[in-house]
N, C-alpha and C. Protein backbone atom coordinates (compact mmCIF):
# COMPACT_ATOMS: atom_id res chain seq x y z
N UNK A 1 3.96 57.98 133.87
CA UNK A 1 3.24 58.85 133.28
C UNK A 1 3.69 59.45 131.91
N UNK A 2 2.51 59.47 130.88
CA UNK A 2 3.42 60.18 129.73
C UNK A 2 3.29 61.53 129.43
N UNK A 3 4.60 62.32 128.71
CA UNK A 3 4.66 63.66 128.87
C UNK A 3 3.86 63.99 127.72
N UNK A 4 2.95 65.18 127.84
CA UNK A 4 1.84 65.48 126.86
C UNK A 4 3.22 66.33 125.62
N UNK A 5 4.11 67.11 126.26
CA UNK A 5 4.61 67.52 125.28
C UNK A 5 6.43 67.51 125.13
N UNK A 6 7.21 67.79 124.45
CA UNK A 6 8.49 67.17 124.56
C UNK A 6 9.77 68.09 125.44
N UNK A 7 8.92 69.65 125.40
CA UNK A 7 9.45 70.29 126.16
C UNK A 7 8.67 70.93 127.19
N UNK A 8 7.78 69.98 127.38
CA UNK A 8 6.57 70.23 128.74
C UNK A 8 5.91 71.62 128.98
N UNK A 9 5.90 72.16 127.35
CA UNK A 9 5.56 73.59 127.41
C UNK A 9 6.06 74.51 127.64
N UNK A 10 7.85 74.26 128.27
CA UNK A 10 8.91 76.07 128.44
C UNK A 10 9.85 75.36 127.74
N UNK A 11 10.66 76.43 127.78
CA UNK A 11 11.91 76.34 127.08
C UNK A 11 12.73 76.27 127.73
N UNK A 12 12.82 75.94 129.19
CA UNK A 12 14.01 76.29 129.76
C UNK A 12 14.47 74.87 129.62
N UNK A 13 15.78 74.48 129.53
CA UNK A 13 16.28 73.44 129.68
C UNK A 13 17.63 73.38 130.77
N UNK A 14 17.90 72.78 130.97
CA UNK A 14 18.82 72.91 132.66
C UNK A 14 19.39 74.22 132.54
N UNK A 15 18.38 74.95 133.51
CA UNK A 15 18.30 76.28 134.24
C UNK A 15 17.71 75.79 135.86
N UNK A 16 17.17 75.27 136.20
CA UNK A 16 16.51 74.96 137.59
C UNK A 16 15.25 75.77 137.64
N UNK A 17 15.32 77.33 137.47
CA UNK A 17 14.24 78.27 137.79
C UNK A 17 14.55 79.53 136.82
N UNK A 18 13.35 79.96 136.81
CA UNK A 18 12.82 81.19 135.57
C UNK A 18 12.19 81.94 136.19
N UNK A 19 12.77 83.37 136.37
CA UNK A 19 12.15 84.01 136.53
C UNK A 19 10.29 84.18 136.23
N UNK A 20 9.19 85.34 137.13
CA UNK A 20 8.00 85.01 137.05
C UNK A 20 8.29 86.50 135.70
N UNK A 21 6.49 86.46 134.81
CA UNK A 21 6.09 87.69 134.22
C UNK A 21 5.09 87.27 134.41
N UNK A 22 4.18 88.98 134.41
CA UNK A 22 2.71 89.00 134.56
C UNK A 22 2.15 88.93 132.79
N UNK A 23 1.07 88.19 132.87
CA UNK A 23 0.37 88.68 131.78
C UNK A 23 -0.21 89.50 130.87
N UNK A 24 -0.07 90.32 130.47
CA UNK A 24 -0.43 91.70 129.95
C UNK A 24 -1.96 91.96 129.92
N UNK A 25 -2.97 90.20 129.50
CA UNK A 25 -4.28 90.90 129.70
C UNK A 25 -4.97 90.22 130.96
N UNK A 26 -4.78 89.45 131.94
CA UNK A 26 -5.03 89.13 133.06
C UNK A 26 -4.14 89.19 134.42
N UNK A 27 -3.33 89.77 134.28
CA UNK A 27 -1.84 89.72 135.16
C UNK A 27 -2.10 88.55 135.79
N UNK A 28 -1.68 87.17 135.24
CA UNK A 28 -1.41 86.18 135.62
C UNK A 28 0.00 86.03 135.86
N UNK A 29 0.57 85.65 137.13
CA UNK A 29 2.23 85.45 136.83
C UNK A 29 2.37 83.97 136.56
N UNK A 30 3.25 83.73 134.54
CA UNK A 30 3.72 82.73 134.22
C UNK A 30 5.47 82.51 134.10
N UNK A 31 5.14 81.68 134.22
CA UNK A 31 7.40 81.58 133.83
C UNK A 31 7.85 81.84 132.73
N UNK A 32 8.90 82.81 132.42
CA UNK A 32 8.72 84.01 130.98
C UNK A 32 9.07 82.96 130.30
N UNK A 33 9.78 82.16 130.37
CA UNK A 33 10.22 80.65 129.14
C UNK A 33 8.74 80.20 128.70
N UNK A 34 7.71 80.11 129.32
CA UNK A 34 6.68 79.32 129.62
C UNK A 34 5.30 80.40 128.73
N UNK A 35 5.46 81.74 128.68
CA UNK A 35 5.10 82.52 128.26
C UNK A 35 4.98 83.36 126.80
N UNK A 36 3.59 83.22 126.68
CA UNK A 36 3.92 83.45 124.98
C UNK A 36 4.31 85.17 124.45
N UNK A 37 5.26 85.16 123.78
CA UNK A 37 5.95 86.59 123.74
C UNK A 37 5.37 87.92 121.89
N UNK A 38 4.74 88.47 122.09
CA UNK A 38 4.87 88.78 120.90
C UNK A 38 5.00 90.50 120.78
N UNK A 39 5.39 90.90 120.07
CA UNK A 39 5.93 92.26 119.83
C UNK A 39 5.15 93.08 118.59
N UNK A 40 4.26 93.98 119.65
CA UNK A 40 3.47 94.44 119.02
C UNK A 40 4.03 95.82 118.21
N UNK A 41 3.63 96.55 116.89
CA UNK A 41 3.89 97.64 116.50
C UNK A 41 2.66 98.26 115.79
N UNK A 42 2.26 99.40 116.08
CA UNK A 42 1.41 100.16 115.74
C UNK A 42 1.36 101.96 115.92
N UNK A 43 0.68 102.37 115.07
CA UNK A 43 0.79 103.89 115.28
C UNK A 43 0.33 104.13 116.27
N UNK A 44 0.89 105.45 116.69
CA UNK A 44 -0.10 106.25 117.80
C UNK A 44 -1.38 106.86 117.77
N UNK A 45 -1.97 107.64 116.36
CA UNK A 45 -3.05 107.84 116.36
C UNK A 45 -3.49 106.69 115.31
N UNK A 46 -5.13 106.55 115.06
CA UNK A 46 -5.52 105.80 114.18
C UNK A 46 -5.45 106.55 112.53
N UNK A 47 -6.25 106.14 111.71
CA UNK A 47 -5.98 106.00 110.49
C UNK A 47 -6.32 107.84 110.05
N UNK A 48 -7.44 107.73 110.76
CA UNK A 48 -8.66 109.40 110.07
C UNK A 48 -7.56 110.31 111.12
N UNK A 49 -7.13 110.21 111.83
CA UNK A 49 -6.56 111.80 112.74
C UNK A 49 -5.11 111.45 112.07
N UNK A 50 -4.67 110.48 111.72
CA UNK A 50 -3.63 110.42 110.66
C UNK A 50 -3.50 111.67 109.70
N UNK A 51 -4.76 111.46 108.78
CA UNK A 51 -5.06 112.35 107.79
C UNK A 51 -5.34 113.27 108.16
N UNK A 52 -5.77 113.52 109.16
CA UNK A 52 -5.80 115.38 109.84
C UNK A 52 -4.66 115.62 110.18
N UNK A 53 -4.00 115.02 110.61
CA UNK A 53 -2.56 115.61 111.36
C UNK A 53 -1.65 115.91 110.14
N UNK A 54 -1.15 115.39 109.27
CA UNK A 54 -0.55 115.47 107.94
C UNK A 54 -0.87 116.61 106.71
N UNK A 55 -2.59 116.70 106.99
CA UNK A 55 -2.90 118.11 106.59
C UNK A 55 -2.50 119.29 107.18
N UNK A 56 -2.68 119.37 108.66
CA UNK A 56 -2.40 120.10 109.34
C UNK A 56 -0.68 120.73 109.92
N UNK A 57 0.14 119.81 109.48
CA UNK A 57 1.51 119.75 109.20
C UNK A 57 1.98 120.68 108.60
N UNK A 58 3.04 121.00 109.34
CA UNK A 58 3.86 122.33 108.04
C UNK A 58 4.77 121.44 107.37
N UNK A 59 5.17 120.27 107.71
CA UNK A 59 5.98 119.04 106.92
C UNK A 59 5.93 118.35 106.12
N UNK A 60 6.18 118.05 104.84
CA UNK A 60 5.80 116.77 104.09
C UNK A 60 5.80 115.65 104.32
N UNK A 61 6.97 115.74 104.46
CA UNK A 61 7.29 114.52 104.52
C UNK A 61 7.40 114.08 106.10
N UNK A 62 7.25 114.15 106.94
CA UNK A 62 7.27 113.79 108.26
C UNK A 62 6.55 112.03 108.60
N UNK A 63 7.13 111.62 109.09
CA UNK A 63 6.13 110.22 109.61
C UNK A 63 6.34 110.37 110.75
N UNK A 64 4.90 109.92 111.05
CA UNK A 64 4.14 109.59 112.21
C UNK A 64 5.21 108.65 113.18
N UNK A 65 5.18 108.56 114.79
CA UNK A 65 6.14 107.88 115.14
C UNK A 65 5.58 106.55 115.60
N UNK A 66 6.22 105.42 115.53
CA UNK A 66 4.94 104.17 115.94
C UNK A 66 5.07 103.67 117.29
N UNK A 67 4.52 103.05 118.14
CA UNK A 67 4.11 102.35 119.26
C UNK A 67 4.92 101.35 119.47
N UNK A 68 5.61 100.64 119.89
CA UNK A 68 6.60 99.37 119.87
C UNK A 68 5.91 99.20 121.63
N UNK A 69 5.22 97.85 121.37
CA UNK A 69 4.84 97.18 122.83
C UNK A 69 5.30 95.58 122.49
N UNK A 70 5.89 95.05 123.73
CA UNK A 70 5.97 93.78 123.95
C UNK A 70 4.88 93.01 124.70
N UNK A 71 4.36 92.43 124.39
CA UNK A 71 2.84 91.76 124.72
C UNK A 71 3.45 90.46 125.35
N UNK A 72 3.18 90.46 126.35
CA UNK A 72 3.25 88.59 127.04
C UNK A 72 2.09 87.93 127.75
N UNK A 73 1.93 87.06 127.32
CA UNK A 73 0.33 86.25 127.14
C UNK A 73 0.84 85.33 128.52
N UNK A 74 -0.62 84.66 129.16
CA UNK A 74 -0.45 83.30 129.95
C UNK A 74 -0.76 82.86 128.29
N UNK A 75 -0.50 81.27 128.88
CA UNK A 75 -1.23 80.07 127.68
C UNK A 75 -2.79 80.28 127.50
N UNK A 76 -3.40 80.37 128.98
CA UNK A 76 -4.96 80.36 128.40
C UNK A 76 -5.42 81.61 127.75
N UNK A 77 -5.00 82.58 128.13
CA UNK A 77 -5.03 84.22 127.42
C UNK A 77 -4.39 83.83 125.95
N UNK A 78 -3.32 83.61 125.84
CA UNK A 78 -3.33 83.56 124.36
C UNK A 78 -3.87 82.54 123.26
N UNK A 79 -4.63 81.66 123.91
CA UNK A 79 -5.89 80.61 123.17
C UNK A 79 -7.25 81.40 123.31
N UNK A 80 -7.44 82.25 124.02
CA UNK A 80 -8.79 82.90 124.24
C UNK A 80 -8.46 83.75 122.99
N UNK A 81 -7.36 84.43 123.07
CA UNK A 81 -7.20 85.85 121.91
C UNK A 81 -6.78 85.45 120.84
N UNK A 82 -6.96 84.27 120.44
CA UNK A 82 -6.29 83.63 119.05
C UNK A 82 -4.58 84.16 118.77
N UNK A 83 -3.85 84.11 119.58
CA UNK A 83 -2.98 84.62 119.12
C UNK A 83 -1.99 82.98 118.87
N UNK A 84 -2.22 81.89 119.61
CA UNK A 84 -1.43 80.55 119.62
C UNK A 84 -3.17 79.91 119.53
N UNK A 85 -3.26 78.79 118.18
CA UNK A 85 -4.61 77.99 118.32
C UNK A 85 -3.77 76.59 118.72
N UNK A 86 -5.04 75.78 118.97
CA UNK A 86 -4.86 74.44 119.62
C UNK A 86 -4.35 73.46 118.46
N UNK A 87 -3.66 72.81 118.53
CA UNK A 87 -2.68 72.11 117.53
C UNK A 87 -3.25 70.42 117.65
N UNK A 88 -3.69 69.52 116.58
CA UNK A 88 -3.60 68.27 116.59
C UNK A 88 -2.38 67.39 117.05
N UNK A 89 -2.49 66.46 117.60
CA UNK A 89 -1.14 65.62 118.06
C UNK A 89 -0.02 65.38 117.50
N UNK A 90 -0.63 65.10 115.58
CA UNK A 90 0.53 65.00 114.67
C UNK A 90 0.53 67.04 114.58
N UNK A 91 -0.23 67.64 114.66
CA UNK A 91 0.49 69.37 114.48
C UNK A 91 1.62 69.38 115.25
N UNK A 92 1.58 68.96 116.23
CA UNK A 92 2.30 69.80 117.72
C UNK A 92 3.56 69.13 117.09
N UNK A 93 4.02 67.91 116.19
CA UNK A 93 4.91 67.06 116.42
C UNK A 93 5.91 68.35 114.74
N UNK A 94 5.21 68.88 114.61
CA UNK A 94 5.99 70.06 113.37
C UNK A 94 6.27 71.02 114.68
N UNK A 95 7.81 70.98 114.27
CA UNK A 95 8.49 72.14 115.33
C UNK A 95 8.71 73.48 113.96
N UNK A 96 8.76 73.36 112.76
CA UNK A 96 9.31 74.55 112.03
C UNK A 96 8.35 76.05 112.40
N UNK A 97 9.12 76.96 112.16
CA UNK A 97 7.97 78.21 112.23
C UNK A 97 6.90 78.08 111.30
N UNK A 98 6.13 78.69 111.76
CA UNK A 98 5.18 79.27 110.30
C UNK A 98 5.57 80.45 109.47
N UNK A 99 5.13 80.32 108.09
CA UNK A 99 5.67 81.49 107.33
C UNK A 99 4.95 82.55 107.88
N UNK A 100 6.03 83.54 107.62
CA UNK A 100 5.34 85.30 108.61
C UNK A 100 5.02 85.67 107.10
N UNK A 101 3.70 86.09 107.27
CA UNK A 101 2.75 87.31 106.09
C UNK A 101 4.01 88.07 105.17
N UNK A 102 3.98 88.28 104.18
CA UNK A 102 4.46 89.12 103.26
C UNK A 102 4.18 90.71 103.66
N UNK A 103 5.53 90.95 103.57
CA UNK A 103 5.17 92.65 104.25
C UNK A 103 4.40 93.78 103.00
N UNK A 104 3.83 94.61 103.28
CA UNK A 104 3.46 95.80 102.53
C UNK A 104 3.77 96.40 101.66
N UNK A 105 4.15 96.77 100.65
CA UNK A 105 4.61 98.05 100.10
C UNK A 105 3.56 99.02 99.88
N UNK A 106 3.54 99.97 100.26
CA UNK A 106 3.22 101.40 99.93
C UNK A 106 3.57 102.28 98.98
């Protein structure tokens, strides 16, 4: 039977067993090497509240802390949330990472 993917959808090579992680969206158990992992960096408060806090703050150069969350998705939730996209058979052969968007400078 032909293999659908070169790595069978996981990054486990010569390990045997990999521990399971829970999907952040639906709590499905997924092997750690198969799960889609993203690091989410967000502000603790939204933009309008940030402006209010800066106006009420005593410190002029106070930088509000950020919220760092590692999000783990199962394959179906990652596709549904458009974290990853379905690619054609020719597109699956392209193994280079997509270019990251440029950082904005304020």
